[in-house]
Amino acid sequence: MSAPSTPANRAGARPKQAARATLARLVQGRVIAALGSVFNFLALNLAVLIVSIPVVTVPVALVAVTVALDRWRGDGEDRVVREFFVALRSRPFWPTTLVAGVPLVVAGIGTEEVHYFAHGGEPIDWVCLGFGTAALFIAVTALGYVLLLVARRPAVHVTEIWSLSVRLAVSNFLATGPLFTVEVVGAALVALVDPSLLIIGLPLALLFVMRVTAQFGLRRLGLN
């Protein structure tokens, strides 16, 4: 037979029920927050891909999404798609394209040189391969700093952004250079293996980790 329900038993059960209800609300809140973050991530990634379709808009899209990520992770602003389009409209197109586009072009040229001279052969081929690899390494490293600096210092002149980014890339050569390289090369290889990952967040994941790496480099030199 079950124990009779008494006022004392009912009073003792109430704190346990309240604790379970509090835990359930806490878990529910965290699940909802996690689902919201996943939705924001996928929606922002899709917005970046759509804006980048004309190709010429890739630099401004990269800057705008870096602004949105910075406000999301730094300031807690979770309306990331709105922040992305606000940044896209508020940044002047050609200066933004220039400041972020040049490192992209240099990285592209470096990639092509590395691919072309990778077979080796004559001594000049090895020299060109070395220059191409160095240019690619610096361009990829500097790009991470360019995007973060442009996002946080929109009033700074283009040449100052480039100069500071190259100094950061050189100063953090052994600290962040390998990280940026692994991130970009890893993302490229993953995209080659499964291009569908581009739709479900690979570009935004790459930009996110590059932002974290750039922040690390800025902190090392006391510039964060």
N, C-alpha and C. Protein backbone atom coordinates (compact mmCIF):
# COMPACT_ATOMS: atom_id res chain seq x y z
N MET A 1 0.84 -1.20 0.00
CA MET A 1 0.00 0.00 0.00
C MET A 1 0.87 1.24 0.00
N SER A 2 0.45 2.25 -0.72
CA SER A 2 1.21 3.49 -0.79
C SER A 2 1.00 4.28 0.47
N ALA A 3 2.04 5.10 0.77
CA ALA A 3 1.97 5.92 1.97
C ALA A 3 0.89 6.97 1.80
N PRO A 4 0.13 7.23 2.85
CA PRO A 4 -0.93 8.24 2.75
C PRO A 4 -0.35 9.62 2.50
N SER A 5 -1.05 10.40 1.67
CA SER A 5 -0.61 11.76 1.38
C SER A 5 -0.98 12.65 2.55
N THR A 6 0.05 13.27 3.08
CA THR A 6 -0.16 14.16 4.22
C THR A 6 0.30 15.56 3.84
N PRO A 7 -0.14 16.58 4.59
CA PRO A 7 0.34 17.94 4.32
C PRO A 7 1.86 18.04 4.33
N ALA A 8 2.51 17.26 5.22
CA ALA A 8 3.97 17.32 5.28
C ALA A 8 4.60 16.75 4.02
N ASN A 9 4.04 15.62 3.51
CA ASN A 9 4.57 15.03 2.28
C ASN A 9 4.39 15.96 1.09
N ARG A 10 3.19 16.57 1.02
CA ARG A 10 2.93 17.49 -0.09
C ARG A 10 3.86 18.71 -0.02
N ALA A 11 4.10 19.20 1.18
CA ALA A 11 5.00 20.35 1.34
C ALA A 11 6.43 19.99 0.93
N GLY A 12 6.86 18.75 1.24
CA GLY A 12 8.20 18.33 0.86
C GLY A 12 8.35 18.13 -0.64
N ALA A 13 7.23 17.79 -1.30
CA ALA A 13 7.29 17.55 -2.75
C ALA A 13 7.34 18.84 -3.54
N ARG A 14 6.81 19.91 -2.97
CA ARG A 14 6.73 21.16 -3.72
C ARG A 14 8.11 21.71 -4.13
N PRO A 15 9.11 21.74 -3.23
CA PRO A 15 10.44 22.23 -3.67
C PRO A 15 11.03 21.40 -4.80
N LYS A 16 10.81 20.06 -4.76
CA LYS A 16 11.34 19.20 -5.83
C LYS A 16 10.65 19.51 -7.16
N GLN A 17 9.33 19.72 -7.11
CA GLN A 17 8.60 20.06 -8.33
C GLN A 17 9.05 21.41 -8.87
N ALA A 18 9.26 22.36 -7.96
CA ALA A 18 9.72 23.69 -8.38
C ALA A 18 11.11 23.60 -9.00
N ALA A 19 11.99 22.76 -8.41
CA ALA A 19 13.34 22.61 -8.96
C ALA A 19 13.30 21.97 -10.34
N ARG A 20 12.44 20.96 -10.51
CA ARG A 20 12.31 20.32 -11.82
C ARG A 20 11.76 21.28 -12.86
N ALA A 21 10.79 22.10 -12.44
CA ALA A 21 10.21 23.08 -13.37
C ALA A 21 11.25 24.13 -13.78
N THR A 22 12.08 24.56 -12.82
CA THR A 22 13.13 25.53 -13.11
C THR A 22 14.16 24.95 -14.07
N LEU A 23 14.55 23.68 -13.81
CA LEU A 23 15.51 23.01 -14.69
C LEU A 23 14.93 22.83 -16.09
N ALA A 24 13.65 22.49 -16.18
CA ALA A 24 13.02 22.31 -17.49
C ALA A 24 12.99 23.63 -18.25
N ARG A 25 12.68 24.74 -17.55
CA ARG A 25 12.67 26.05 -18.22
C ARG A 25 14.07 26.44 -18.68
N LEU A 26 15.08 26.12 -17.83
CA LEU A 26 16.46 26.44 -18.20
C LEU A 26 16.89 25.67 -19.44
N VAL A 27 16.59 24.37 -19.46
CA VAL A 27 16.95 23.54 -20.62
C VAL A 27 16.20 24.02 -21.87
N GLN A 28 14.92 24.32 -21.70
CA GLN A 28 14.12 24.79 -22.83
C GLN A 28 14.68 26.10 -23.37
N GLY A 29 15.07 27.00 -22.47
CA GLY A 29 15.63 28.28 -22.91
C GLY A 29 16.92 28.10 -23.67
N ARG A 30 17.77 27.18 -23.19
CA ARG A 30 19.03 26.95 -23.88
C ARG A 30 18.82 26.28 -25.23
N VAL A 31 17.87 25.38 -25.31
CA VAL A 31 17.57 24.73 -26.60
C VAL A 31 17.06 25.75 -27.60
N ILE A 32 16.16 26.64 -27.14
CA ILE A 32 15.63 27.68 -28.03
C ILE A 32 16.74 28.61 -28.48
N ALA A 33 17.63 28.98 -27.54
CA ALA A 33 18.75 29.85 -27.90
C ALA A 33 19.67 29.18 -28.91
N ALA A 34 19.93 27.87 -28.72
CA ALA A 34 20.79 27.14 -29.65
C ALA A 34 20.15 27.05 -31.04
N LEU A 35 18.85 26.79 -31.08
CA LEU A 35 18.15 26.73 -32.37
C LEU A 35 18.17 28.10 -33.05
N GLY A 36 18.02 29.16 -32.26
CA GLY A 36 18.08 30.50 -32.82
C GLY A 36 19.45 30.80 -33.42
N SER A 37 20.51 30.36 -32.74
CA SER A 37 21.86 30.57 -33.26
C SER A 37 22.08 29.80 -34.56
N VAL A 38 21.59 28.56 -34.60
CA VAL A 38 21.71 27.76 -35.82
C VAL A 38 20.97 28.43 -36.98
N PHE A 39 19.76 28.93 -36.70
CA PHE A 39 18.98 29.60 -37.75
C PHE A 39 19.71 30.85 -38.24
N ASN A 40 20.21 31.66 -37.30
CA ASN A 40 20.95 32.87 -37.69
C ASN A 40 22.17 32.52 -38.53
N PHE A 41 22.87 31.46 -38.14
CA PHE A 41 24.07 31.04 -38.86
C PHE A 41 23.73 30.65 -40.29
N LEU A 42 22.71 29.82 -40.46
CA LEU A 42 22.34 29.35 -41.80
C LEU A 42 21.78 30.49 -42.65
N ALA A 43 20.97 31.36 -42.03
CA ALA A 43 20.38 32.47 -42.78
C ALA A 43 21.45 33.46 -43.22
N LEU A 44 22.41 33.75 -42.34
CA LEU A 44 23.48 34.67 -42.70
C LEU A 44 24.37 34.09 -43.78
N ASN A 45 24.67 32.80 -43.69
CA ASN A 45 25.47 32.15 -44.72
C ASN A 45 24.78 32.22 -46.08
N LEU A 46 23.47 31.98 -46.10
CA LEU A 46 22.72 32.04 -47.36
C LEU A 46 22.71 33.46 -47.91
N ALA A 47 22.56 34.46 -47.04
CA ALA A 47 22.57 35.86 -47.48
C ALA A 47 23.91 36.21 -48.12
N VAL A 48 25.00 35.75 -47.52
CA VAL A 48 26.33 36.02 -48.07
C VAL A 48 26.49 35.38 -49.45
N LEU A 49 26.04 34.14 -49.59
CA LEU A 49 26.16 33.45 -50.88
C LEU A 49 25.36 34.17 -51.96
N ILE A 50 24.14 34.61 -51.63
CA ILE A 50 23.29 35.29 -52.62
C ILE A 50 23.92 36.61 -53.05
N VAL A 51 24.40 37.39 -52.08
CA VAL A 51 25.00 38.68 -52.40
C VAL A 51 26.28 38.49 -53.22
N SER A 52 26.99 37.38 -53.01
CA SER A 52 28.27 37.15 -53.69
C SER A 52 28.13 36.58 -55.10
N ILE A 53 26.92 36.29 -55.52
CA ILE A 53 26.72 35.68 -56.84
C ILE A 53 27.33 36.50 -57.98
N PRO A 54 27.21 37.83 -58.00
CA PRO A 54 27.83 38.59 -59.10
C PRO A 54 29.36 38.58 -59.08
N VAL A 55 30.00 37.99 -58.08
CA VAL A 55 31.45 37.87 -57.91
C VAL A 55 32.09 39.21 -57.54
N VAL A 56 31.78 40.27 -58.28
CA VAL A 56 32.36 41.58 -57.98
C VAL A 56 31.93 42.07 -56.60
N THR A 57 30.85 41.52 -56.08
CA THR A 57 30.35 41.94 -54.77
C THR A 57 30.95 41.12 -53.63
N VAL A 58 31.84 40.17 -53.93
CA VAL A 58 32.41 39.32 -52.89
C VAL A 58 33.13 40.14 -51.81
N PRO A 59 34.00 41.11 -52.17
CA PRO A 59 34.69 41.88 -51.12
C PRO A 59 33.74 42.60 -50.17
N VAL A 60 32.72 43.28 -50.71
CA VAL A 60 31.81 44.01 -49.82
C VAL A 60 30.98 43.04 -48.99
N ALA A 61 30.66 41.87 -49.56
CA ALA A 61 29.92 40.86 -48.79
C ALA A 61 30.77 40.35 -47.63
N LEU A 62 32.06 40.15 -47.85
CA LEU A 62 32.94 39.67 -46.79
C LEU A 62 33.07 40.71 -45.68
N VAL A 63 33.17 41.97 -46.05
CA VAL A 63 33.26 43.03 -45.03
C VAL A 63 31.95 43.12 -44.24
N ALA A 64 30.82 43.09 -44.95
CA ALA A 64 29.52 43.21 -44.28
C ALA A 64 29.27 42.05 -43.35
N VAL A 65 29.62 40.85 -43.74
CA VAL A 65 29.37 39.70 -42.88
C VAL A 65 30.33 39.71 -41.68
N THR A 66 31.52 40.25 -41.85
CA THR A 66 32.43 40.39 -40.71
C THR A 66 31.87 41.39 -39.70
N VAL A 67 31.26 42.47 -40.20
CA VAL A 67 30.61 43.44 -39.31
C VAL A 67 29.47 42.75 -38.54
N ALA A 68 28.66 41.99 -39.25
CA ALA A 68 27.53 41.30 -38.61
C ALA A 68 28.02 40.29 -37.57
N LEU A 69 29.06 39.54 -37.89
CA LEU A 69 29.61 38.57 -36.93
C LEU A 69 30.19 39.27 -35.72
N ASP A 70 30.86 40.39 -35.94
CA ASP A 70 31.46 41.13 -34.84
C ASP A 70 30.40 41.65 -33.88
N ARG A 71 29.31 42.14 -34.43
CA ARG A 71 28.23 42.66 -33.58
C ARG A 71 27.46 41.52 -32.91
N TRP A 72 27.38 40.40 -33.59
CA TRP A 72 26.67 39.24 -33.01
C TRP A 72 27.46 38.66 -31.84
N ARG A 73 28.74 38.34 -32.07
CA ARG A 73 29.53 37.69 -31.04
C ARG A 73 30.07 38.68 -30.02
N GLY A 74 30.31 39.93 -30.44
CA GLY A 74 30.89 40.90 -29.52
C GLY A 74 29.86 41.69 -28.74
N ASP A 75 28.79 42.13 -29.43
CA ASP A 75 27.79 43.00 -28.80
C ASP A 75 26.50 42.27 -28.46
N GLY A 76 26.37 41.01 -28.87
CA GLY A 76 25.15 40.27 -28.57
C GLY A 76 23.99 40.59 -29.48
N GLU A 77 24.23 41.27 -30.60
CA GLU A 77 23.18 41.61 -31.56
C GLU A 77 22.86 40.37 -32.39
N ASP A 78 21.66 39.79 -32.14
CA ASP A 78 21.34 38.53 -32.81
C ASP A 78 20.53 38.71 -34.10
N ARG A 79 20.25 39.94 -34.50
CA ARG A 79 19.57 40.15 -35.79
C ARG A 79 20.64 40.24 -36.88
N VAL A 80 21.29 39.12 -37.10
CA VAL A 80 22.51 39.14 -37.90
C VAL A 80 22.25 39.43 -39.38
N VAL A 81 21.18 38.92 -39.92
CA VAL A 81 20.89 39.18 -41.34
C VAL A 81 20.59 40.67 -41.54
N ARG A 82 19.83 41.24 -40.62
CA ARG A 82 19.55 42.68 -40.69
C ARG A 82 20.86 43.47 -40.60
N GLU A 83 21.74 43.10 -39.66
CA GLU A 83 23.02 43.80 -39.51
C GLU A 83 23.88 43.64 -40.77
N PHE A 84 23.79 42.49 -41.39
CA PHE A 84 24.55 42.26 -42.63
C PHE A 84 24.11 43.23 -43.72
N PHE A 85 22.80 43.37 -43.93
CA PHE A 85 22.32 44.25 -44.99
C PHE A 85 22.49 45.72 -44.63
N VAL A 86 22.43 46.04 -43.34
CA VAL A 86 22.70 47.43 -42.91
C VAL A 86 24.15 47.78 -43.23
N ALA A 87 25.08 46.88 -42.90
CA ALA A 87 26.49 47.12 -43.20
C ALA A 87 26.73 47.17 -44.70
N LEU A 88 26.02 46.34 -45.44
CA LEU A 88 26.17 46.31 -46.89
C LEU A 88 25.76 47.64 -47.52
N ARG A 89 24.67 48.21 -47.01
CA ARG A 89 24.18 49.48 -47.56
C ARG A 89 24.99 50.67 -47.07
N SER A 90 25.52 50.59 -45.85
CA SER A 90 26.18 51.76 -45.26
C SER A 90 27.63 51.91 -45.70
N ARG A 91 28.26 50.86 -46.15
CA ARG A 91 29.66 50.94 -46.57
C ARG A 91 29.76 51.35 -48.04
N PRO A 92 30.59 52.35 -48.38
CA PRO A 92 30.76 52.74 -49.78
C PRO A 92 31.30 51.58 -50.61
N PHE A 93 30.67 51.35 -51.76
CA PHE A 93 30.96 50.14 -52.52
C PHE A 93 32.41 50.07 -53.00
N TRP A 94 32.87 51.08 -53.74
CA TRP A 94 34.18 50.98 -54.37
C TRP A 94 35.34 51.00 -53.37
N PRO A 95 35.35 51.90 -52.37
CA PRO A 95 36.44 51.82 -51.38
C PRO A 95 36.47 50.49 -50.64
N THR A 96 35.28 49.96 -50.30
CA THR A 96 35.22 48.69 -49.60
C THR A 96 35.69 47.55 -50.50
N THR A 97 35.30 47.60 -51.77
CA THR A 97 35.75 46.59 -52.74
C THR A 97 37.26 46.64 -52.89
N LEU A 98 37.81 47.85 -52.91
CA LEU A 98 39.26 48.00 -53.07
C LEU A 98 40.01 47.45 -51.87
N VAL A 99 39.59 47.83 -50.67
CA VAL A 99 40.35 47.46 -49.47
C VAL A 99 40.32 45.95 -49.24
N ALA A 100 39.20 45.30 -49.48
CA ALA A 100 39.12 43.85 -49.28
C ALA A 100 39.44 43.07 -50.54
N GLY A 101 39.29 43.71 -51.71
CA GLY A 101 39.50 43.00 -52.96
C GLY A 101 40.96 42.78 -53.30
N VAL A 102 41.83 43.72 -52.95
CA VAL A 102 43.25 43.58 -53.28
C VAL A 102 43.87 42.35 -52.63
N PRO A 103 43.67 42.11 -51.32
CA PRO A 103 44.22 40.86 -50.76
C PRO A 103 43.66 39.60 -51.42
N LEU A 104 42.38 39.65 -51.81
CA LEU A 104 41.79 38.51 -52.50
C LEU A 104 42.46 38.27 -53.85
N VAL A 105 42.72 39.35 -54.59
CA VAL A 105 43.37 39.23 -55.89
C VAL A 105 44.80 38.72 -55.73
N VAL A 106 45.52 39.26 -54.75
CA VAL A 106 46.89 38.80 -54.51
C VAL A 106 46.90 37.33 -54.13
N ALA A 107 45.95 36.92 -53.30
CA ALA A 107 45.86 35.51 -52.92
C ALA A 107 45.57 34.64 -54.14
N GLY A 108 44.70 35.13 -55.04
CA GLY A 108 44.40 34.39 -56.26
C GLY A 108 45.60 34.26 -57.17
N ILE A 109 46.37 35.35 -57.31
CA ILE A 109 47.58 35.31 -58.14
C ILE A 109 48.60 34.36 -57.53
N GLY A 110 48.75 34.43 -56.19
CA GLY A 110 49.69 33.53 -55.52
C GLY A 110 49.30 32.08 -55.69
N THR A 111 48.00 31.80 -55.61
CA THR A 111 47.52 30.43 -55.81
C THR A 111 47.84 29.93 -57.21
N GLU A 112 47.63 30.79 -58.20
CA GLU A 112 47.91 30.41 -59.58
C GLU A 112 49.40 30.17 -59.81
N GLU A 113 50.25 31.02 -59.21
CA GLU A 113 51.70 30.84 -59.36
C GLU A 113 52.15 29.54 -58.70
N VAL A 114 51.64 29.27 -57.52
CA VAL A 114 52.01 28.03 -56.83
C VAL A 114 51.58 26.83 -57.67
N HIS A 115 50.39 26.88 -58.23
CA HIS A 115 49.90 25.78 -59.07
C HIS A 115 50.75 25.62 -60.33
N TYR A 116 51.13 26.75 -60.92
CA TYR A 116 51.86 26.71 -62.20
C TYR A 116 53.29 26.20 -62.01
N PHE A 117 53.96 26.66 -60.94
CA PHE A 117 55.38 26.32 -60.75
C PHE A 117 55.59 25.14 -59.80
N ALA A 118 54.50 24.50 -59.36
CA ALA A 118 54.63 23.41 -58.40
C ALA A 118 55.38 22.22 -58.97
N HIS A 119 55.44 22.09 -60.30
CA HIS A 119 56.13 20.95 -60.90
C HIS A 119 57.65 21.08 -60.77
N GLY A 120 58.14 22.27 -60.41
CA GLY A 120 59.59 22.46 -60.26
C GLY A 120 60.28 22.53 -61.62
N GLY A 121 61.50 22.00 -61.68
CA GLY A 121 62.25 22.00 -62.94
C GLY A 121 63.45 22.91 -62.84
N GLU A 122 63.47 23.98 -63.63
CA GLU A 122 64.58 24.92 -63.64
C GLU A 122 64.66 25.69 -62.32
N PRO A 123 65.86 26.19 -61.96
CA PRO A 123 66.01 26.97 -60.72
C PRO A 123 65.06 28.16 -60.65
N ILE A 124 64.80 28.80 -61.80
CA ILE A 124 63.90 29.95 -61.80
C ILE A 124 62.48 29.54 -61.42
N ASP A 125 62.13 28.31 -61.78
CA ASP A 125 60.81 27.81 -61.40
C ASP A 125 60.68 27.71 -59.88
N TRP A 126 61.75 27.24 -59.24
CA TRP A 126 61.73 27.13 -57.79
C TRP A 126 61.69 28.49 -57.13
N VAL A 127 62.39 29.44 -57.72
CA VAL A 127 62.37 30.81 -57.19
C VAL A 127 60.96 31.39 -57.29
N CYS A 128 60.34 31.23 -58.46
CA CYS A 128 58.98 31.73 -58.65
C CYS A 128 57.99 31.03 -57.71
N LEU A 129 58.22 29.74 -57.49
CA LEU A 129 57.36 28.99 -56.57
C LEU A 129 57.50 29.55 -55.16
N GLY A 130 58.71 29.88 -54.77
CA GLY A 130 58.94 30.45 -53.44
C GLY A 130 58.27 31.80 -53.28
N PHE A 131 58.42 32.67 -54.30
CA PHE A 131 57.78 33.99 -54.25
C PHE A 131 56.25 33.85 -54.23
N GLY A 132 55.74 32.94 -55.05
CA GLY A 132 54.30 32.75 -55.09
C GLY A 132 53.75 32.25 -53.77
N THR A 133 54.48 31.31 -53.15
CA THR A 133 54.05 30.78 -51.85
C THR A 133 54.08 31.85 -50.78
N ALA A 134 55.14 32.67 -50.78
CA ALA A 134 55.24 33.76 -49.80
C ALA A 134 54.13 34.77 -49.98
N ALA A 135 53.85 35.14 -51.24
CA ALA A 135 52.79 36.10 -51.52
C ALA A 135 51.43 35.56 -51.09
N LEU A 136 51.20 34.28 -51.37
CA LEU A 136 49.94 33.65 -50.98
C LEU A 136 49.80 33.62 -49.47
N PHE A 137 50.87 33.27 -48.77
CA PHE A 137 50.85 33.17 -47.31
C PHE A 137 50.55 34.53 -46.68
N ILE A 138 51.25 35.57 -47.13
CA ILE A 138 51.04 36.91 -46.58
C ILE A 138 49.65 37.43 -46.92
N ALA A 139 49.19 37.20 -48.16
CA ALA A 139 47.88 37.70 -48.58
C ALA A 139 46.76 37.06 -47.77
N VAL A 140 46.84 35.74 -47.58
CA VAL A 140 45.81 35.04 -46.81
C VAL A 140 45.81 35.51 -45.36
N THR A 141 47.02 35.67 -44.80
CA THR A 141 47.12 36.13 -43.41
C THR A 141 46.62 37.56 -43.27
N ALA A 142 47.03 38.42 -44.20
CA ALA A 142 46.61 39.82 -44.13
C ALA A 142 45.11 39.98 -44.34
N LEU A 143 44.51 39.11 -45.16
CA LEU A 143 43.08 39.22 -45.44
C LEU A 143 42.26 39.14 -44.15
N GLY A 144 42.62 38.22 -43.27
CA GLY A 144 41.89 38.10 -42.01
C GLY A 144 41.93 39.39 -41.21
N TYR A 145 43.10 40.03 -41.18
CA TYR A 145 43.22 41.30 -40.46
C TYR A 145 42.49 42.43 -41.18
N VAL A 146 42.57 42.44 -42.50
CA VAL A 146 41.88 43.48 -43.27
C VAL A 146 40.39 43.47 -42.97
N LEU A 147 39.78 42.31 -43.01
CA LEU A 147 38.33 42.22 -42.80
C LEU A 147 37.94 42.70 -41.40
N LEU A 148 38.71 42.29 -40.39
CA LEU A 148 38.37 42.69 -39.03
C LEU A 148 38.62 44.18 -38.80
N LEU A 149 39.72 44.70 -39.34
CA LEU A 149 40.03 46.12 -39.16
C LEU A 149 39.03 47.02 -39.89
N VAL A 150 38.64 46.63 -41.10
CA VAL A 150 37.66 47.41 -41.85
C VAL A 150 36.31 47.40 -41.12
N ALA A 151 35.97 46.25 -40.55
CA ALA A 151 34.70 46.14 -39.83
C ALA A 151 34.69 47.05 -38.60
N ARG A 152 35.82 47.17 -37.93
CA ARG A 152 35.88 47.94 -36.68
C ARG A 152 36.35 49.37 -36.86
N ARG A 153 37.04 49.65 -37.95
CA ARG A 153 37.57 51.00 -38.17
C ARG A 153 37.21 51.48 -39.57
N PRO A 154 35.94 51.71 -39.82
CA PRO A 154 35.51 52.07 -41.18
C PRO A 154 36.05 53.42 -41.65
N ALA A 155 36.44 54.29 -40.73
CA ALA A 155 36.90 55.62 -41.13
C ALA A 155 38.38 55.65 -41.49
N VAL A 156 39.11 54.57 -41.20
CA VAL A 156 40.54 54.55 -41.49
C VAL A 156 40.78 54.40 -42.99
N HIS A 157 41.77 55.11 -43.51
CA HIS A 157 42.05 55.09 -44.94
C HIS A 157 42.49 53.70 -45.40
N VAL A 158 42.21 53.43 -46.68
CA VAL A 158 42.52 52.13 -47.27
C VAL A 158 43.99 51.76 -47.10
N THR A 159 44.89 52.68 -47.43
CA THR A 159 46.32 52.36 -47.36
C THR A 159 46.77 52.08 -45.93
N GLU A 160 46.15 52.76 -44.97
CA GLU A 160 46.49 52.50 -43.56
C GLU A 160 46.03 51.12 -43.14
N ILE A 161 44.86 50.72 -43.62
CA ILE A 161 44.37 49.36 -43.32
C ILE A 161 45.33 48.32 -43.89
N TRP A 162 45.73 48.50 -45.14
CA TRP A 162 46.67 47.55 -45.76
C TRP A 162 47.99 47.51 -45.00
N SER A 163 48.53 48.69 -44.68
CA SER A 163 49.82 48.77 -44.01
C SER A 163 49.77 48.08 -42.65
N LEU A 164 48.73 48.37 -41.88
CA LEU A 164 48.60 47.76 -40.55
C LEU A 164 48.38 46.25 -40.67
N SER A 165 47.61 45.83 -41.65
CA SER A 165 47.33 44.40 -41.83
C SER A 165 48.60 43.63 -42.18
N VAL A 166 49.43 44.20 -43.06
CA VAL A 166 50.69 43.54 -43.43
C VAL A 166 51.63 43.49 -42.24
N ARG A 167 51.67 44.58 -41.45
CA ARG A 167 52.52 44.58 -40.25
C ARG A 167 52.06 43.51 -39.26
N LEU A 168 50.74 43.39 -39.11
CA LEU A 168 50.20 42.36 -38.23
C LEU A 168 50.53 40.96 -38.75
N ALA A 169 50.41 40.78 -40.07
CA ALA A 169 50.71 39.48 -40.67
C ALA A 169 52.17 39.10 -40.46
N VAL A 170 53.07 40.07 -40.61
CA VAL A 170 54.51 39.80 -40.44
C VAL A 170 54.84 39.60 -38.96
N SER A 171 54.29 40.46 -38.09
CA SER A 171 54.58 40.37 -36.65
C SER A 171 54.07 39.06 -36.06
N ASN A 172 52.93 38.59 -36.57
CA ASN A 172 52.34 37.34 -36.09
C ASN A 172 52.61 36.18 -37.04
N PHE A 173 53.72 36.26 -37.77
CA PHE A 173 54.02 35.31 -38.84
C PHE A 173 53.91 33.86 -38.36
N LEU A 174 54.50 33.57 -37.21
CA LEU A 174 54.52 32.19 -36.72
C LEU A 174 53.32 31.86 -35.84
N ALA A 175 52.59 32.88 -35.41
CA ALA A 175 51.46 32.65 -34.50
C ALA A 175 50.15 32.46 -35.26
N THR A 176 49.83 33.43 -36.11
CA THR A 176 48.54 33.36 -36.81
C THR A 176 48.68 32.96 -38.27
N GLY A 177 49.86 33.12 -38.84
CA GLY A 177 50.04 32.74 -40.24
C GLY A 177 49.67 31.30 -40.52
N PRO A 178 50.22 30.33 -39.76
CA PRO A 178 49.83 28.93 -39.99
C PRO A 178 48.35 28.68 -39.74
N LEU A 179 47.77 29.38 -38.76
CA LEU A 179 46.35 29.19 -38.46
C LEU A 179 45.49 29.62 -39.64
N PHE A 180 45.75 30.82 -40.16
CA PHE A 180 44.99 31.30 -41.32
C PHE A 180 45.14 30.34 -42.50
N THR A 181 46.36 29.89 -42.73
CA THR A 181 46.61 29.00 -43.86
C THR A 181 45.85 27.69 -43.73
N VAL A 182 45.90 27.10 -42.54
CA VAL A 182 45.18 25.84 -42.31
C VAL A 182 43.68 26.04 -42.47
N GLU A 183 43.17 27.16 -41.98
CA GLU A 183 41.74 27.43 -42.08
C GLU A 183 41.28 27.55 -43.53
N VAL A 184 42.01 28.33 -44.31
CA VAL A 184 41.61 28.57 -45.70
C VAL A 184 41.81 27.31 -46.54
N VAL A 185 42.96 26.68 -46.41
CA VAL A 185 43.24 25.47 -47.19
C VAL A 185 42.27 24.36 -46.78
N GLY A 186 42.03 24.21 -45.49
CA GLY A 186 41.11 23.19 -45.02
C GLY A 186 39.70 23.38 -45.56
N ALA A 187 39.23 24.64 -45.53
CA ALA A 187 37.90 24.93 -46.06
C ALA A 187 37.83 24.66 -47.56
N ALA A 188 38.90 25.01 -48.29
CA ALA A 188 38.92 24.77 -49.73
C ALA A 188 38.87 23.28 -50.05
N LEU A 189 39.63 22.49 -49.30
CA LEU A 189 39.63 21.04 -49.53
C LEU A 189 38.27 20.42 -49.20
N VAL A 190 37.67 20.88 -48.10
CA VAL A 190 36.35 20.36 -47.73
C VAL A 190 35.32 20.70 -48.79
N ALA A 191 35.41 21.93 -49.33
CA ALA A 191 34.47 22.34 -50.37
C ALA A 191 34.65 21.52 -51.64
N LEU A 192 35.89 21.16 -51.95
CA LEU A 192 36.13 20.32 -53.13
C LEU A 192 35.56 18.92 -52.94
N VAL A 193 35.67 18.41 -51.73
CA VAL A 193 35.15 17.06 -51.45
C VAL A 193 33.63 17.05 -51.47
N ASP A 194 33.01 18.08 -50.87
CA ASP A 194 31.54 18.13 -50.79
C ASP A 194 31.08 19.57 -50.98
N PRO A 195 30.83 20.01 -52.21
CA PRO A 195 30.40 21.40 -52.46
C PRO A 195 29.10 21.78 -51.77
N SER A 196 28.26 20.80 -51.42
CA SER A 196 26.99 21.12 -50.78
C SER A 196 27.20 21.79 -49.42
N LEU A 197 28.38 21.62 -48.82
CA LEU A 197 28.66 22.24 -47.54
C LEU A 197 28.72 23.76 -47.64
N LEU A 198 28.90 24.26 -48.86
CA LEU A 198 28.86 25.71 -49.05
C LEU A 198 27.50 26.27 -48.68
N ILE A 199 26.45 25.51 -48.94
CA ILE A 199 25.10 25.97 -48.66
C ILE A 199 24.78 25.91 -47.17
N ILE A 200 25.37 24.97 -46.47
CA ILE A 200 24.98 24.78 -45.08
C ILE A 200 26.00 25.33 -44.08
N GLY A 201 26.79 26.31 -44.54
CA GLY A 201 27.54 27.08 -43.56
C GLY A 201 29.05 27.11 -43.67
N LEU A 202 29.66 26.43 -44.63
CA LEU A 202 31.12 26.40 -44.71
C LEU A 202 31.74 27.79 -44.87
N PRO A 203 31.24 28.66 -45.79
CA PRO A 203 31.85 29.99 -45.92
C PRO A 203 31.78 30.80 -44.63
N LEU A 204 30.63 30.77 -43.96
CA LEU A 204 30.49 31.54 -42.73
C LEU A 204 31.36 30.95 -41.62
N ALA A 205 31.47 29.63 -41.57
CA ALA A 205 32.33 29.00 -40.57
C ALA A 205 33.79 29.43 -40.78
N LEU A 206 34.22 29.50 -42.04
CA LEU A 206 35.58 29.95 -42.34
C LEU A 206 35.79 31.39 -41.88
N LEU A 207 34.85 32.27 -42.20
CA LEU A 207 34.98 33.67 -41.80
C LEU A 207 34.96 33.81 -40.28
N PHE A 208 34.17 32.97 -39.62
CA PHE A 208 34.10 33.03 -38.16
C PHE A 208 35.45 32.68 -37.53
N VAL A 209 36.06 31.59 -37.98
CA VAL A 209 37.35 31.19 -37.38
C VAL A 209 38.45 32.16 -37.78
N MET A 210 38.38 32.75 -38.98
CA MET A 210 39.35 33.75 -39.37
C MET A 210 39.22 34.99 -38.49
N ARG A 211 37.99 35.36 -38.14
CA ARG A 211 37.77 36.49 -37.24
C ARG A 211 38.38 36.21 -35.88
N VAL A 212 38.18 34.99 -35.36
CA VAL A 212 38.76 34.62 -34.06
C VAL A 212 40.28 34.68 -34.11
N THR A 213 40.86 34.17 -35.19
CA THR A 213 42.31 34.19 -35.34
C THR A 213 42.84 35.61 -35.43
N ALA A 214 42.14 36.48 -36.17
CA ALA A 214 42.56 37.87 -36.28
C ALA A 214 42.48 38.57 -34.92
N GLN A 215 41.44 38.28 -34.15
CA GLN A 215 41.34 38.84 -32.80
C GLN A 215 42.52 38.41 -31.94
N PHE A 216 42.90 37.15 -32.05
CA PHE A 216 44.04 36.64 -31.31
C PHE A 216 45.31 37.41 -31.69
N GLY A 217 45.51 37.65 -33.00
CA GLY A 217 46.68 38.39 -33.44
C GLY A 217 46.68 39.83 -32.94
N LEU A 218 45.50 40.46 -32.93
CA LEU A 218 45.42 41.83 -32.42
C LEU A 218 45.73 41.87 -30.92
N ARG A 219 45.23 40.90 -30.17
CA ARG A 219 45.49 40.87 -28.73
C ARG A 219 46.97 40.67 -28.44
N ARG A 220 47.64 39.86 -29.25
CA ARG A 220 49.07 39.62 -29.02
C ARG A 220 49.87 40.90 -29.09
N LEU A 221 49.42 41.84 -29.92
CA LEU A 221 50.15 43.11 -30.07
C LEU A 221 49.47 44.25 -29.34
N GLY A 222 48.48 43.92 -28.51
CA GLY A 222 47.81 44.95 -27.72
C GLY A 222 46.98 45.92 -28.52
N LEU A 223 46.42 45.46 -29.64
CA LEU A 223 45.64 46.35 -30.51
C LEU A 223 44.15 46.02 -30.49
N ASN A 224 43.72 45.08 -29.71
CA ASN A 224 42.31 44.68 -29.71
C ASN A 224 41.45 45.71 -29.00
